Amino acid sequence: MTMTLADAALDDGAVSPRADRPKRRTFTAEYKAQIVAEYDAAELGERGTILRREHLYSSHITEWRKAAAAGAVSALGPKAGKGRDRRDREIEVLRARAEHAEAELARTRAALDAVASVGHLRTRFGRRHPMREAQRRRG
């Protein structure tokens, strides 16, 4: 198992479900930009030293450089969905609920309009409710 220094300080001997898996590291956009700049400025022989010091692979640098060229600093940030704020997810859920409620309201209004138009047609063409006819004959 690969452990970082932070893991060694927290190791209390208890076995967790993920104890046999290494921890995945995340990097900030600033860190990525700093390392890419340092790597590009270094001589060829020093580049390996930077990678070893930071425990990185050359594929990290390649990927970060492509992301920076394609986007901007935002491209160097965390991947979509992983670093999203809880409030953003809650806003999405609430928007979806509001859209669903508006669609249901539109269906209900359409049904009420249809019922009202049928009632209007009945009274217009003389078809009355049987109970009202009986009351009218009595009185």
C-alpha atoms as a PDB file:
ATOM      1  CA  MET A   1       0.000   0.000   0.000  1.00  0.00           C
ATOM      2  CA  THR A   2       1.266   3.473  -0.831  1.00  0.00           C
ATOM      3  CA  MET A   3       1.000   5.916   2.042  1.00  0.00           C
ATOM      4  CA  THR A   4       1.730   9.589   2.194  1.00  0.00           C
ATOM      5  CA  LEU A   5       3.229  11.317   5.209  1.00  0.00           C
ATOM      6  CA  ALA A   6      -0.229  12.614   6.105  1.00  0.00           C
ATOM      7  CA  ASP A   7      -1.536   9.029   6.189  1.00  0.00           C
ATOM      8  CA  ALA A   8       1.287   7.888   8.462  1.00  0.00           C
ATOM      9  CA  ALA A   9       0.394  10.549  11.028  1.00  0.00           C
ATOM     10  CA  LEU A  10      -3.243   9.415  11.046  1.00  0.00           C
ATOM     11  CA  ASP A  11      -2.546   5.667  11.113  1.00  0.00           C
ATOM     12  CA  ASP A  12      -4.084   4.299  14.298  1.00  0.00           C
ATOM     13  CA  GLY A  13      -3.812   0.652  13.299  1.00  0.00           C
ATOM     14  CA  ALA A  14      -7.496   0.307  12.392  1.00  0.00           C
ATOM     15  CA  VAL A  15      -8.269  -1.307   9.069  1.00  0.00           C
ATOM     16  CA  SER A  16     -10.660   0.655   6.899  1.00  0.00           C
ATOM     17  CA  PRO A  17     -12.507  -0.701   3.837  1.00  0.00           C
ATOM     18  CA  ARG A  18     -10.102   1.186   1.560  1.00  0.00           C
ATOM     19  CA  ALA A  19      -6.956   0.400   3.524  1.00  0.00           C
ATOM     20  CA  ASP A  20      -5.481  -1.644   0.691  1.00  0.00           C
ATOM     21  CA  ARG A  21      -5.912   1.155  -1.878  1.00  0.00           C
ATOM     22  CA  PRO A  22      -3.625   4.157  -2.329  1.00  0.00           C
ATOM     23  CA  LYS A  23      -5.048   7.640  -1.887  1.00  0.00           C
ATOM     24  CA  ARG A  24      -5.737   9.581  -5.083  1.00  0.00           C
ATOM     25  CA  ARG A  25      -4.144  13.014  -5.101  1.00  0.00           C
ATOM     26  CA  THR A  26      -5.812  16.177  -6.403  1.00  0.00           C
ATOM     27  CA  PHE A  27      -3.972  19.243  -7.614  1.00  0.00           C
ATOM     28  CA  THR A  28      -5.098  22.871  -7.651  1.00  0.00           C
ATOM     29  CA  ALA A  29      -4.976  24.927 -10.823  1.00  0.00           C
ATOM     30  CA  GLU A  30      -2.307  27.162  -9.302  1.00  0.00           C
ATOM     31  CA  TYR A  31      -0.108  24.175  -8.439  1.00  0.00           C
ATOM     32  CA  LYS A  32      -0.452  22.749 -11.944  1.00  0.00           C
ATOM     33  CA  ALA A  33       0.396  26.077 -13.586  1.00  0.00           C
ATOM     34  CA  GLN A  34       3.401  26.534 -11.282  1.00  0.00           C
ATOM     35  CA  ILE A  35       4.785  23.051 -11.967  1.00  0.00           C
ATOM     36  CA  VAL A  36       4.276  23.337 -15.745  1.00  0.00           C
ATOM     37  CA  ALA A  37       6.057  26.708 -15.763  1.00  0.00           C
ATOM     38  CA  GLU A  38       8.920  25.347 -13.644  1.00  0.00           C
ATOM     39  CA  TYR A  39       9.162  22.227 -15.833  1.00  0.00           C
ATOM     40  CA  ASP A  40       9.236  24.264 -19.063  1.00  0.00           C
ATOM     41  CA  ALA A  41      11.902  26.620 -17.682  1.00  0.00           C
ATOM     42  CA  ALA A  42      14.158  23.778 -16.487  1.00  0.00           C
ATOM     43  CA  GLU A  43      17.028  22.270 -18.445  1.00  0.00           C
ATOM     44  CA  LEU A  44      16.454  18.787 -19.862  1.00  0.00           C
ATOM     45  CA  GLY A  45      18.450  17.115 -17.082  1.00  0.00           C
ATOM     46  CA  GLU A  46      16.592  18.976 -14.342  1.00  0.00           C
ATOM     47  CA  ARG A  47      13.134  18.012 -15.514  1.00  0.00           C
ATOM     48  CA  GLY A  48      13.389  14.493 -14.117  1.00  0.00           C
ATOM     49  CA  THR A  49      14.484  15.951 -10.784  1.00  0.00           C
ATOM     50  CA  ILE A  50      11.325  18.096 -10.639  1.00  0.00           C
ATOM     51  CA  LEU A  51       9.132  15.098 -11.439  1.00  0.00           C
ATOM     52  CA  ARG A  52      10.791  12.947  -8.776  1.00  0.00           C
ATOM     53  CA  ARG A  53      10.639  15.734  -6.182  1.00  0.00           C
ATOM     54  CA  GLU A  54       6.889  16.243  -6.777  1.00  0.00           C
ATOM     55  CA  HIS A  55       6.174  12.518  -7.270  1.00  0.00           C
ATOM     56  CA  LEU A  56       4.731  13.166 -10.735  1.00  0.00           C
ATOM     57  CA  TYR A  57       4.938  11.521 -14.139  1.00  0.00           C
ATOM     58  CA  SER A  58       5.688  13.231 -17.421  1.00  0.00           C
ATOM     59  CA  SER A  59       2.131  12.376 -18.473  1.00  0.00           C
ATOM     60  CA  HIS A  60       0.882  14.783 -15.765  1.00  0.00           C
ATOM     61  CA  ILE A  61       2.833  17.609 -17.374  1.00  0.00           C
ATOM     62  CA  THR A  62       1.648  16.656 -20.861  1.00  0.00           C
ATOM     63  CA  GLU A  63      -1.987  16.494 -19.776  1.00  0.00           C
ATOM     64  CA  TRP A  64      -1.820  19.768 -17.846  1.00  0.00           C
ATOM     65  CA  ARG A  65      -0.097  21.528 -20.760  1.00  0.00           C
ATOM     66  CA  LYS A  66      -2.797  20.360 -23.196  1.00  0.00           C
ATOM     67  CA  ALA A  67      -5.549  21.447 -20.815  1.00  0.00           C
ATOM     68  CA  ALA A  68      -3.979  24.877 -20.411  1.00  0.00           C
ATOM     69  CA  ALA A  69      -3.633  25.288 -24.183  1.00  0.00           C
ATOM     70  CA  ALA A  70      -7.211  24.165 -24.844  1.00  0.00           C
ATOM     71  CA  GLY A  71      -8.928  26.181 -22.152  1.00  0.00           C
ATOM     72  CA  ALA A  72      -7.351  28.464 -19.675  1.00  0.00           C
ATOM     73  CA  VAL A  73      -6.725  28.271 -15.973  1.00  0.00           C
ATOM     74  CA  SER A  74     -10.246  26.824 -15.559  1.00  0.00           C
ATOM     75  CA  ALA A  75      -9.146  23.830 -17.614  1.00  0.00           C
ATOM     76  CA  LEU A  76      -6.477  23.112 -15.029  1.00  0.00           C
ATOM     77  CA  GLY A  77      -9.065  23.008 -12.244  1.00  0.00           C
ATOM     78  CA  PRO A  78     -10.790  19.881 -10.949  1.00  0.00           C
ATOM     79  CA  LYS A  79     -12.746  17.787 -13.432  1.00  0.00           C
ATOM     80  CA  ALA A  80     -16.462  18.519 -13.760  1.00  0.00           C
ATOM     81  CA  GLY A  81     -18.599  16.817 -11.189  1.00  0.00           C
ATOM     82  CA  LYS A  82     -15.865  16.048  -8.709  1.00  0.00           C
ATOM     83  CA  GLY A  83     -15.222  19.420  -7.108  1.00  0.00           C
ATOM     84  CA  ARG A  84     -18.718  20.800  -7.373  1.00  0.00           C
ATOM     85  CA  ASP A  85     -20.156  22.620  -4.477  1.00  0.00           C
ATOM     86  CA  ARG A  86     -23.085  21.170  -2.552  1.00  0.00           C
ATOM     87  CA  ARG A  87     -25.058  24.364  -3.170  1.00  0.00           C
ATOM     88  CA  ASP A  88     -24.657  23.972  -6.942  1.00  0.00           C
ATOM     89  CA  ARG A  89     -26.078  20.442  -6.806  1.00  0.00           C
ATOM     90  CA  GLU A  90     -28.956  21.619  -4.628  1.00  0.00           C
ATOM     91  CA  ILE A  91     -29.724  24.456  -7.061  1.00  0.00           C
ATOM     92  CA  GLU A  92     -29.855  21.963  -9.946  1.00  0.00           C
ATOM     93  CA  VAL A  93     -32.248  19.723  -8.019  1.00  0.00           C
ATOM     94  CA  LEU A  94     -34.495  22.659  -7.143  1.00  0.00           C
ATOM     95  CA  ARG A  95     -34.533  23.889 -10.746  1.00  0.00           C
ATOM     96  CA  ALA A  96     -35.541  20.435 -11.967  1.00  0.00           C
ATOM     97  CA  ARG A  97     -38.336  20.296  -9.375  1.00  0.00           C
ATOM     98  CA  ALA A  98     -39.559  23.753 -10.416  1.00  0.00           C
ATOM     99  CA  GLU A  99     -39.611  22.753 -14.094  1.00  0.00           C
ATOM    100  CA  HIS A 100     -41.538  19.593 -13.234  1.00  0.00           C
ATOM    101  CA  ALA A 101     -44.066  21.587 -11.164  1.00  0.00           C
ATOM    102  CA  GLU A 102     -44.530  24.134 -13.969  1.00  0.00           C
ATOM    103  CA  ALA A 103     -45.188  21.349 -16.488  1.00  0.00           C
ATOM    104  CA  GLU A 104     -47.723  19.745 -14.140  1.00  0.00           C
ATOM    105  CA  LEU A 105     -49.418  23.127 -13.617  1.00  0.00           C
ATOM    106  CA  ALA A 106     -49.684  23.629 -17.380  1.00  0.00           C
ATOM    107  CA  ARG A 107     -51.316  20.181 -17.766  1.00  0.00           C
ATOM    108  CA  THR A 108     -53.755  20.925 -14.954  1.00  0.00           C
ATOM    109  CA  ARG A 109     -54.693  24.296 -16.456  1.00  0.00           C
ATOM    110  CA  ALA A 110     -55.261  22.678 -19.856  1.00  0.00           C
ATOM    111  CA  ALA A 111     -57.533  20.052 -18.269  1.00  0.00           C
ATOM    112  CA  LEU A 112     -59.505  22.724 -16.395  1.00  0.00           C
ATOM    113  CA  ASP A 113     -59.890  24.759 -19.576  1.00  0.00           C
ATOM    114  CA  ALA A 114     -61.202  21.666 -21.371  1.00  0.00           C
ATOM    115  CA  VAL A 115     -63.738  20.973 -18.612  1.00  0.00           C
ATOM    116  CA  ALA A 116     -64.846  24.610 -18.596  1.00  0.00           C
ATOM    117  CA  SER A 117     -65.319  24.651 -22.376  1.00  0.00           C
ATOM    118  CA  VAL A 118     -67.397  21.447 -22.259  1.00  0.00           C
ATOM    119  CA  GLY A 119     -69.580  22.988 -19.538  1.00  0.00           C
ATOM    120  CA  HIS A 120     -69.964  26.142 -21.595  1.00  0.00           C
ATOM    121  CA  LEU A 121     -71.022  24.111 -24.650  1.00  0.00           C
ATOM    122  CA  ARG A 122     -73.597  22.159 -22.630  1.00  0.00           C
ATOM    123  CA  THR A 123     -75.303  25.284 -21.368  1.00  0.00           C
ATOM    124  CA  ARG A 124     -75.093  26.950 -24.755  1.00  0.00           C
ATOM    125  CA  PHE A 125     -76.792  24.125 -26.630  1.00  0.00           C
ATOM    126  CA  GLY A 126     -79.494  23.489 -24.058  1.00  0.00           C
ATOM    127  CA  ARG A 127     -78.258  20.369 -22.341  1.00  0.00           C
ATOM    128  CA  ARG A 128     -78.878  20.943 -18.696  1.00  0.00           C
ATOM    129  CA  HIS A 129     -78.205  18.894 -15.639  1.00  0.00           C
ATOM    130  CA  PRO A 130     -81.094  16.445 -14.892  1.00  0.00           C
ATOM    131  CA  MET A 131     -81.391  17.586 -11.258  1.00  0.00           C
ATOM    132  CA  ARG A 132     -81.744  21.197 -12.296  1.00  0.00           C
ATOM    133  CA  GLU A 133     -84.428  20.220 -14.825  1.00  0.00           C
ATOM    134  CA  ALA A 134     -86.386  18.445 -12.068  1.00  0.00           C
ATOM    135  CA  GLN A 135     -86.064  21.460  -9.773  1.00  0.00           C
ATOM    136  CA  ARG A 136     -87.237  23.768 -12.514  1.00  0.00           C
ATOM    137  CA  ARG A 137     -90.322  21.645 -13.238  1.00  0.00           C
ATOM    138  CA  ARG A 138     -91.296  21.612  -9.530  1.00  0.00           C
ATOM    139  CA  GLY A 139     -90.912  25.238  -8.921  1.00  0.00           C
END
